[in-house]
Amino acid sequence: MVYLLGTSIPRNKVITRALQQIYGIGKNKSKVICKNIGLTSNIRTFELKTRHNFKLTQFLENSNIRINSDLIRLLSDAKKRLVTLRVYRGIRAKQGFPIRGQRTHTNAKTAKKKY
């Protein structure tokens, strides 16, 4: 296992897929990160040198990309703001109902789990 910014990354995956294990990095962001650092998208994580790991951490720390706890805090603050403003979306989130107008008679189990 390779640890990158507090997240364990699988050892035998392609680097673009492995970077997606970090919360807040998707397919496109991982490709952009690899391109900016100068990594080919076919390289596996166990083939990375220490200088590549250092470049990855430096790039992620210096860029404006919000990942891990920063992103989680931002999203939870946005939800709390909606609840305190007593907006319809905030009220629905507080009650545990679907926020975006989905059906509640059936199929609302996921929304009830999340909040």
Protein backbone atom coordinates (compact mmCIF):
# COMPACT_ATOMS: atom_id res chain seq x y z
CA MET A 1 0.00 0.00 0.00
CA VAL A 2 1.10 3.50 -0.81
CA TYR A 3 -0.13 6.30 1.44
CA LEU A 4 -0.81 9.63 -0.20
CA LEU A 5 -2.22 12.48 1.88
CA GLY A 6 -3.58 10.09 4.49
CA THR A 7 -5.31 7.82 1.98
CA SER A 8 -4.13 4.32 1.22
CA ILE A 9 -3.78 3.73 -2.49
CA PRO A 10 -3.86 0.17 -3.91
CA ARG A 11 -0.48 -1.12 -4.95
CA ASN A 12 -1.27 -2.89 -8.22
CA LYS A 13 -3.60 -0.39 -9.92
CA VAL A 14 -2.98 2.00 -12.77
CA ILE A 15 -2.15 5.43 -11.35
CA THR A 16 -5.21 7.16 -12.82
CA ARG A 17 -7.48 4.58 -11.13
CA ALA A 18 -5.49 4.64 -7.91
CA LEU A 19 -5.76 8.42 -7.55
CA GLN A 20 -9.54 8.06 -7.69
CA GLN A 21 -9.36 6.41 -4.24
CA ILE A 22 -8.72 9.88 -2.79
CA TYR A 23 -12.03 11.55 -1.87
CA GLY A 24 -12.66 14.40 -4.30
CA ILE A 25 -10.59 13.15 -7.24
CA GLY A 26 -12.43 11.61 -10.16
CA LYS A 27 -11.50 10.30 -13.56
CA ASN A 28 -10.82 13.63 -15.26
CA LYS A 29 -8.94 15.17 -12.35
CA SER A 30 -6.69 12.15 -12.06
CA LYS A 31 -5.81 12.39 -15.77
CA VAL A 32 -5.05 16.11 -15.43
CA ILE A 33 -2.87 15.48 -12.37
CA CYS A 34 -0.88 12.79 -14.18
CA LYS A 35 -0.43 15.04 -17.20
CA ASN A 36 0.79 17.97 -15.08
CA ILE A 37 3.27 15.84 -13.17
CA GLY A 38 4.52 14.09 -16.29
CA LEU A 39 3.36 10.55 -15.54
CA THR A 40 2.04 8.25 -18.21
CA SER A 41 -1.44 6.98 -17.52
CA ASN A 42 -0.35 3.33 -17.88
CA ILE A 43 2.14 3.32 -15.00
CA ARG A 44 1.19 1.27 -11.94
CA THR A 45 1.51 2.50 -8.38
CA PHE A 46 4.19 0.01 -7.38
CA GLU A 47 6.35 1.35 -10.24
CA LEU A 48 6.30 4.88 -8.82
CA LYS A 49 9.58 6.23 -7.50
CA THR A 50 9.84 8.32 -4.37
CA ARG A 51 10.31 11.45 -6.47
CA HIS A 52 6.97 10.77 -8.18
CA ASN A 53 5.26 10.40 -4.80
CA PHE A 54 6.86 13.66 -3.71
CA LYS A 55 5.70 15.42 -6.89
CA LEU A 56 2.16 14.09 -6.38
CA THR A 57 1.95 15.33 -2.81
CA GLN A 58 3.45 18.72 -3.70
CA PHE A 59 1.04 19.17 -6.61
CA LEU A 60 -2.03 18.21 -4.57
CA GLU A 61 -1.02 20.44 -1.64
CA ASN A 62 -0.24 23.47 -3.82
CA SER A 63 -3.21 23.23 -6.17
CA ASN A 64 -6.70 24.53 -5.50
CA ILE A 65 -8.19 21.03 -5.56
CA ARG A 66 -10.21 20.36 -2.42
CA ILE A 67 -9.83 16.80 -1.28
CA ASN A 68 -10.43 14.60 1.77
CA SER A 69 -11.37 16.43 4.97
CA ASP A 70 -11.44 19.90 3.35
CA LEU A 71 -14.07 18.78 0.85
CA ILE A 72 -16.09 16.92 3.48
CA ARG A 73 -16.08 20.01 5.71
CA LEU A 74 -17.15 22.24 2.80
CA LEU A 75 -20.08 19.96 1.93
CA SER A 76 -21.24 19.62 5.52
CA ASP A 77 -21.06 23.40 6.00
CA ALA A 78 -23.22 23.87 2.90
CA LYS A 79 -25.82 21.45 4.29
CA LYS A 80 -25.77 23.17 7.69
CA ARG A 81 -26.24 26.54 5.98
CA LEU A 82 -29.33 25.28 4.17
CA VAL A 83 -30.75 23.96 7.43
CA THR A 84 -30.12 27.21 9.32
CA LEU A 85 -31.67 29.31 6.54
CA ARG A 86 -34.78 27.11 6.73
CA VAL A 87 -34.75 26.62 2.97
CA TYR A 88 -36.91 23.85 1.49
CA ARG A 89 -33.85 21.75 0.70
CA GLY A 90 -32.56 22.17 4.24
CA ILE A 91 -35.87 21.18 5.79
CA ARG A 92 -36.08 18.09 3.60
CA ALA A 93 -32.51 17.12 4.49
CA LYS A 94 -33.20 17.55 8.19
CA GLN A 95 -36.32 15.39 7.99
CA GLY A 96 -34.49 12.70 6.01
CA PHE A 97 -36.56 12.98 2.85
CA PRO A 98 -35.30 13.22 -0.74
CA ILE A 99 -34.15 16.75 -1.47
CA ARG A 100 -34.61 17.08 -5.22
CA GLY A 101 -38.25 16.18 -5.68
CA GLN A 102 -38.04 12.43 -5.87
CA ARG A 103 -40.89 10.15 -4.98
CA THR A 104 -41.41 9.45 -1.27
CA HIS A 105 -44.14 6.80 -1.32
CA THR A 106 -41.54 4.22 -2.31
CA ASN A 107 -37.83 4.31 -3.13
CA ALA A 108 -36.84 6.90 -0.51
CA LYS A 109 -34.68 4.51 1.48
CA THR A 110 -31.37 5.96 0.29
CA ALA A 111 -32.24 9.50 1.35
CA LYS A 112 -33.28 8.25 4.76
CA LYS A 113 -29.95 6.50 5.21
CA LYS A 114 -27.80 9.49 4.25
CA TYR A 115 -29.08 12.05 6.72
